[in-house]
Amino acid sequence: MKTGLDGLLFGLYTPKNILTNEEIESWEIKTKGGKILTAGFIEDKLGIKKRYIANNKETPFFMAKEAAAQIIKQTNGDIDVLFVSTSFPTGDHLSTKLAKEFGLHTSLTMD
């Protein structure tokens, strides 16, 4: 959990499985020019050092629930606003589902 600006609290969950550039380099993928894709090239060109890979259990709702639990524990559920952010399209309103799951009486939920 991280404390943000003006008393805002942020929960964070990242999957345990990590894929590194070095692992990708070991696959010996060739570029169009015939060179082997290296870890350094990936980081230099894309700015990516590693990727977090979710398993079947780690759905967007599961991960949001784990992150929210960090904040709920610290605040005893006294939460005014609940925002959820994910890069995976779920078609659900995760913040509303979380509020119901934890029995929160927030004034606003937003994804």
N, C-alpha and C. Protein backbone atom coordinates (compact mmCIF):
# COMPACT_ATOMS: atom_id res chain seq x y z
N MET A 1 0.84 -1.18 0.00
CA MET A 1 0.00 0.00 0.00
C MET A 1 0.88 1.24 0.00
N LYS A 2 0.44 2.26 -0.71
CA LYS A 2 1.19 3.50 -0.78
C LYS A 2 0.29 4.65 -0.36
N THR A 3 0.85 5.61 0.34
CA THR A 3 0.10 6.81 0.70
C THR A 3 0.33 7.83 -0.38
N GLY A 4 -0.74 8.41 -0.87
CA GLY A 4 -0.64 9.38 -1.95
C GLY A 4 -0.74 10.80 -1.43
N LEU A 5 -1.06 11.70 -2.29
CA LEU A 5 -1.19 13.10 -1.96
C LEU A 5 -2.45 13.35 -1.15
N ASP A 6 -2.37 14.31 -0.24
CA ASP A 6 -3.53 14.74 0.53
C ASP A 6 -4.28 13.59 1.21
N GLY A 7 -3.57 12.61 1.72
CA GLY A 7 -4.23 11.54 2.45
C GLY A 7 -4.87 10.47 1.58
N LEU A 8 -4.67 10.53 0.29
CA LEU A 8 -5.20 9.49 -0.58
C LEU A 8 -4.41 8.20 -0.34
N LEU A 9 -5.08 7.08 -0.40
CA LEU A 9 -4.42 5.80 -0.23
C LEU A 9 -4.56 4.98 -1.50
N PHE A 10 -3.50 4.28 -1.85
CA PHE A 10 -3.49 3.46 -3.05
C PHE A 10 -3.14 2.03 -2.68
N GLY A 11 -3.95 1.07 -3.14
CA GLY A 11 -3.62 -0.34 -3.01
C GLY A 11 -3.06 -0.81 -4.33
N LEU A 12 -2.18 -1.80 -4.28
CA LEU A 12 -1.56 -2.29 -5.50
C LEU A 12 -1.42 -3.80 -5.42
N TYR A 13 -1.74 -4.44 -6.51
CA TYR A 13 -1.50 -5.88 -6.62
C TYR A 13 -0.87 -6.14 -7.97
N THR A 14 0.22 -6.87 -7.98
CA THR A 14 0.83 -7.30 -9.23
C THR A 14 0.97 -8.81 -9.20
N PRO A 15 0.73 -9.47 -10.32
CA PRO A 15 0.88 -10.93 -10.36
C PRO A 15 2.30 -11.35 -9.96
N LYS A 16 2.38 -12.54 -9.42
CA LYS A 16 3.67 -13.07 -8.94
C LYS A 16 4.58 -13.51 -10.10
N ASN A 17 3.99 -13.95 -11.20
CA ASN A 17 4.75 -14.45 -12.34
C ASN A 17 5.31 -13.27 -13.13
N ILE A 18 6.64 -13.24 -13.29
CA ILE A 18 7.30 -12.14 -13.99
C ILE A 18 8.04 -12.69 -15.21
N LEU A 19 7.89 -12.00 -16.33
CA LEU A 19 8.61 -12.32 -17.55
C LEU A 19 9.63 -11.20 -17.79
N THR A 20 10.91 -11.54 -17.78
CA THR A 20 11.96 -10.53 -17.94
C THR A 20 12.43 -10.46 -19.40
N ASN A 21 13.11 -9.37 -19.71
CA ASN A 21 13.71 -9.22 -21.03
C ASN A 21 14.78 -10.27 -21.27
N GLU A 22 15.50 -10.65 -20.23
CA GLU A 22 16.53 -11.68 -20.36
C GLU A 22 15.92 -13.02 -20.76
N GLU A 23 14.75 -13.30 -20.21
CA GLU A 23 14.06 -14.54 -20.58
C GLU A 23 13.65 -14.50 -22.05
N ILE A 24 13.14 -13.36 -22.49
CA ILE A 24 12.76 -13.21 -23.90
C ILE A 24 14.01 -13.33 -24.78
N GLU A 25 15.11 -12.76 -24.34
CA GLU A 25 16.36 -12.86 -25.12
C GLU A 25 16.77 -14.32 -25.29
N SER A 26 16.53 -15.14 -24.27
CA SER A 26 16.92 -16.56 -24.34
C SER A 26 16.12 -17.33 -25.39
N TRP A 27 15.03 -16.77 -25.86
CA TRP A 27 14.22 -17.42 -26.90
C TRP A 27 14.87 -17.27 -28.28
N GLU A 28 15.88 -16.40 -28.38
CA GLU A 28 16.62 -16.16 -29.61
C GLU A 28 15.72 -15.77 -30.79
N ILE A 29 14.91 -14.78 -30.55
CA ILE A 29 14.01 -14.25 -31.59
C ILE A 29 14.83 -13.35 -32.51
N LYS A 30 14.67 -13.54 -33.79
CA LYS A 30 15.41 -12.72 -34.76
C LYS A 30 14.55 -11.55 -35.22
N THR A 31 15.20 -10.40 -35.35
CA THR A 31 14.53 -9.22 -35.88
C THR A 31 14.46 -9.34 -37.40
N LYS A 32 13.77 -8.40 -38.05
CA LYS A 32 13.70 -8.40 -39.51
C LYS A 32 15.09 -8.34 -40.13
N GLY A 33 16.01 -7.67 -39.45
CA GLY A 33 17.37 -7.54 -39.95
C GLY A 33 18.24 -8.77 -39.67
N GLY A 34 17.66 -9.77 -39.02
CA GLY A 34 18.39 -11.00 -38.76
C GLY A 34 19.17 -11.04 -37.46
N LYS A 35 19.10 -9.96 -36.67
CA LYS A 35 19.81 -9.93 -35.40
C LYS A 35 18.93 -10.55 -34.30
N ILE A 36 19.60 -11.10 -33.29
CA ILE A 36 18.88 -11.67 -32.14
C ILE A 36 18.38 -10.53 -31.27
N LEU A 37 17.12 -10.59 -30.89
CA LEU A 37 16.51 -9.61 -30.01
C LEU A 37 17.15 -9.72 -28.63
N THR A 38 17.72 -8.63 -28.13
CA THR A 38 18.41 -8.67 -26.84
C THR A 38 17.59 -7.95 -25.77
N ALA A 39 17.91 -8.27 -24.52
CA ALA A 39 17.23 -7.63 -23.39
C ALA A 39 17.48 -6.12 -23.42
N GLY A 40 18.71 -5.73 -23.72
CA GLY A 40 19.04 -4.31 -23.79
C GLY A 40 18.27 -3.58 -24.87
N PHE A 41 18.10 -4.21 -26.02
CA PHE A 41 17.36 -3.61 -27.13
C PHE A 41 15.90 -3.38 -26.72
N ILE A 42 15.30 -4.38 -26.08
CA ILE A 42 13.89 -4.26 -25.65
C ILE A 42 13.74 -3.08 -24.70
N GLU A 43 14.64 -2.99 -23.72
CA GLU A 43 14.54 -1.90 -22.75
C GLU A 43 14.81 -0.55 -23.40
N ASP A 44 15.81 -0.47 -24.26
CA ASP A 44 16.15 0.79 -24.92
C ASP A 44 15.02 1.28 -25.83
N LYS A 45 14.45 0.38 -26.61
CA LYS A 45 13.44 0.78 -27.60
C LYS A 45 12.04 0.92 -27.02
N LEU A 46 11.70 0.06 -26.04
CA LEU A 46 10.34 0.06 -25.51
C LEU A 46 10.22 0.60 -24.08
N GLY A 47 11.36 0.64 -23.38
CA GLY A 47 11.33 1.10 -21.99
C GLY A 47 10.77 0.07 -21.02
N ILE A 48 10.65 -1.17 -21.48
CA ILE A 48 10.09 -2.23 -20.66
C ILE A 48 11.22 -3.07 -20.06
N LYS A 49 11.16 -3.29 -18.74
CA LYS A 49 12.16 -4.12 -18.08
C LYS A 49 11.61 -5.52 -17.77
N LYS A 50 10.33 -5.56 -17.40
CA LYS A 50 9.70 -6.83 -17.08
C LYS A 50 8.20 -6.69 -17.23
N ARG A 51 7.53 -7.84 -17.31
CA ARG A 51 6.08 -7.89 -17.45
C ARG A 51 5.54 -8.79 -16.37
N TYR A 52 4.39 -8.43 -15.81
CA TYR A 52 3.72 -9.26 -14.82
C TYR A 52 2.66 -10.07 -15.55
N ILE A 53 2.72 -11.39 -15.40
CA ILE A 53 1.83 -12.28 -16.12
C ILE A 53 0.85 -12.91 -15.12
N ALA A 54 -0.42 -12.63 -15.29
CA ALA A 54 -1.45 -13.17 -14.40
C ALA A 54 -1.72 -14.63 -14.73
N ASN A 55 -1.98 -15.40 -13.69
CA ASN A 55 -2.41 -16.78 -13.91
C ASN A 55 -3.94 -16.81 -13.97
N ASN A 56 -4.54 -17.98 -14.14
CA ASN A 56 -5.99 -18.08 -14.28
C ASN A 56 -6.75 -17.58 -13.06
N LYS A 57 -6.15 -17.69 -11.88
CA LYS A 57 -6.79 -17.23 -10.64
C LYS A 57 -6.76 -15.71 -10.54
N GLU A 58 -5.76 -15.08 -11.13
CA GLU A 58 -5.55 -13.65 -10.99
C GLU A 58 -6.35 -12.86 -12.03
N THR A 59 -7.65 -12.90 -11.87
CA THR A 59 -8.54 -12.13 -12.74
C THR A 59 -8.47 -10.66 -12.36
N PRO A 60 -8.94 -9.76 -13.20
CA PRO A 60 -8.94 -8.35 -12.82
C PRO A 60 -9.69 -8.11 -11.50
N PHE A 61 -10.81 -8.81 -11.28
CA PHE A 61 -11.54 -8.61 -10.02
C PHE A 61 -10.74 -9.13 -8.84
N PHE A 62 -10.09 -10.28 -8.98
CA PHE A 62 -9.26 -10.83 -7.90
C PHE A 62 -8.16 -9.83 -7.54
N MET A 63 -7.48 -9.30 -8.54
CA MET A 63 -6.38 -8.37 -8.28
C MET A 63 -6.89 -7.07 -7.65
N ALA A 64 -8.03 -6.57 -8.13
CA ALA A 64 -8.62 -5.36 -7.55
C ALA A 64 -9.02 -5.61 -6.10
N LYS A 65 -9.55 -6.79 -5.83
CA LYS A 65 -9.97 -7.14 -4.46
C LYS A 65 -8.76 -7.19 -3.52
N GLU A 66 -7.66 -7.77 -4.00
CA GLU A 66 -6.44 -7.83 -3.19
C GLU A 66 -5.92 -6.42 -2.89
N ALA A 67 -5.92 -5.55 -3.88
CA ALA A 67 -5.45 -4.17 -3.69
C ALA A 67 -6.39 -3.40 -2.75
N ALA A 68 -7.68 -3.57 -2.94
CA ALA A 68 -8.65 -2.86 -2.10
C ALA A 68 -8.58 -3.34 -0.65
N ALA A 69 -8.32 -4.62 -0.44
CA ALA A 69 -8.24 -5.17 0.92
C ALA A 69 -7.15 -4.47 1.73
N GLN A 70 -6.06 -4.07 1.08
CA GLN A 70 -4.98 -3.36 1.77
C GLN A 70 -5.49 -2.06 2.38
N ILE A 71 -6.28 -1.34 1.62
CA ILE A 71 -6.80 -0.04 2.07
C ILE A 71 -7.91 -0.24 3.09
N ILE A 72 -8.79 -1.16 2.83
CA ILE A 72 -9.93 -1.41 3.72
C ILE A 72 -9.44 -1.81 5.11
N LYS A 73 -8.40 -2.62 5.16
CA LYS A 73 -7.83 -3.04 6.44
C LYS A 73 -7.32 -1.84 7.23
N GLN A 74 -6.63 -0.94 6.54
CA GLN A 74 -6.06 0.23 7.22
C GLN A 74 -7.12 1.24 7.63
N THR A 75 -8.18 1.37 6.84
CA THR A 75 -9.18 2.40 7.10
C THR A 75 -10.42 1.86 7.81
N ASN A 76 -10.43 0.58 8.09
CA ASN A 76 -11.62 -0.07 8.68
C ASN A 76 -12.86 0.15 7.84
N GLY A 77 -12.67 0.26 6.53
CA GLY A 77 -13.80 0.41 5.61
C GLY A 77 -14.35 1.81 5.51
N ASP A 78 -13.72 2.77 6.17
CA ASP A 78 -14.17 4.16 6.12
C ASP A 78 -13.60 4.80 4.86
N ILE A 79 -14.27 4.58 3.74
CA ILE A 79 -13.79 5.03 2.44
C ILE A 79 -14.87 5.87 1.77
N ASP A 80 -14.47 7.06 1.34
CA ASP A 80 -15.42 7.97 0.69
C ASP A 80 -15.59 7.68 -0.78
N VAL A 81 -14.48 7.42 -1.47
CA VAL A 81 -14.48 7.24 -2.91
C VAL A 81 -13.60 6.04 -3.24
N LEU A 82 -14.06 5.23 -4.19
CA LEU A 82 -13.30 4.05 -4.61
C LEU A 82 -13.09 4.11 -6.12
N PHE A 83 -11.84 4.24 -6.53
CA PHE A 83 -11.47 4.22 -7.94
C PHE A 83 -10.74 2.92 -8.23
N VAL A 84 -11.01 2.33 -9.38
CA VAL A 84 -10.32 1.12 -9.81
C VAL A 84 -9.77 1.37 -11.20
N SER A 85 -8.52 0.95 -11.42
CA SER A 85 -7.90 1.11 -12.72
C SER A 85 -7.30 -0.22 -13.16
N THR A 86 -7.59 -0.61 -14.38
CA THR A 86 -7.01 -1.81 -14.96
C THR A 86 -6.79 -1.57 -16.45
N SER A 87 -5.82 -2.26 -17.02
CA SER A 87 -5.59 -2.13 -18.45
C SER A 87 -6.28 -3.27 -19.21
N PHE A 88 -7.03 -4.08 -18.49
CA PHE A 88 -7.71 -5.23 -19.09
C PHE A 88 -9.21 -4.96 -19.14
N PRO A 89 -9.80 -4.94 -20.32
CA PRO A 89 -11.24 -4.66 -20.41
C PRO A 89 -12.06 -5.81 -19.86
N THR A 90 -12.86 -5.53 -18.84
CA THR A 90 -13.66 -6.59 -18.21
C THR A 90 -15.13 -6.51 -18.57
N GLY A 91 -15.59 -5.32 -18.94
CA GLY A 91 -17.02 -5.14 -19.19
C GLY A 91 -17.80 -4.97 -17.90
N ASP A 92 -17.13 -5.09 -16.76
CA ASP A 92 -17.77 -4.92 -15.45
C ASP A 92 -17.33 -3.59 -14.84
N HIS A 93 -18.11 -3.13 -13.89
CA HIS A 93 -17.71 -1.99 -13.07
C HIS A 93 -17.07 -2.57 -11.82
N LEU A 94 -15.75 -2.74 -11.85
CA LEU A 94 -15.06 -3.39 -10.76
C LEU A 94 -15.21 -2.63 -9.45
N SER A 95 -15.22 -1.31 -9.51
CA SER A 95 -15.34 -0.54 -8.27
C SER A 95 -16.69 -0.79 -7.60
N THR A 96 -17.75 -0.89 -8.36
CA THR A 96 -19.08 -1.17 -7.80
C THR A 96 -19.11 -2.58 -7.21
N LYS A 97 -18.54 -3.54 -7.93
CA LYS A 97 -18.49 -4.92 -7.42
C LYS A 97 -17.68 -4.99 -6.13
N LEU A 98 -16.58 -4.25 -6.07
CA LEU A 98 -15.76 -4.24 -4.86
C LEU A 98 -16.50 -3.63 -3.68
N ALA A 99 -17.17 -2.52 -3.93
CA ALA A 99 -17.93 -1.87 -2.85
C ALA A 99 -18.97 -2.84 -2.29
N LYS A 100 -19.66 -3.56 -3.15
CA LYS A 100 -20.65 -4.54 -2.70
C LYS A 100 -19.97 -5.70 -1.97
N GLU A 101 -18.88 -6.19 -2.52
CA GLU A 101 -18.15 -7.31 -1.92
C GLU A 101 -17.72 -7.02 -0.49
N PHE A 102 -17.24 -5.79 -0.25
CA PHE A 102 -16.73 -5.42 1.07
C PHE A 102 -17.78 -4.70 1.92
N GLY A 103 -18.98 -4.50 1.38
CA GLY A 103 -20.03 -3.81 2.14
C GLY A 103 -19.72 -2.35 2.41
N LEU A 104 -19.04 -1.71 1.46
CA LEU A 104 -18.67 -0.31 1.64
C LEU A 104 -19.83 0.62 1.31
N HIS A 105 -19.89 1.70 2.02
CA HIS A 105 -20.91 2.72 1.75
C HIS A 105 -20.21 3.98 1.26
N THR A 106 -19.65 3.88 0.06
CA THR A 106 -18.91 4.99 -0.52
C THR A 106 -19.85 5.95 -1.21
N SER A 107 -19.42 7.20 -1.32
CA SER A 107 -20.23 8.19 -2.01
C SER A 107 -20.04 8.11 -3.52
N LEU A 108 -18.94 7.49 -3.95
CA LEU A 108 -18.66 7.41 -5.38
C LEU A 108 -17.77 6.21 -5.68
N THR A 109 -18.11 5.49 -6.73
CA THR A 109 -17.24 4.44 -7.25
C THR A 109 -17.00 4.75 -8.73
N MET A 110 -15.79 4.49 -9.19
CA MET A 110 -15.48 4.81 -10.58
C MET A 110 -14.38 3.90 -11.09
N ASP A 111 -14.54 3.42 -12.32
CA ASP A 111 -13.52 2.64 -12.99
C ASP A 111 -12.86 3.51 -14.04
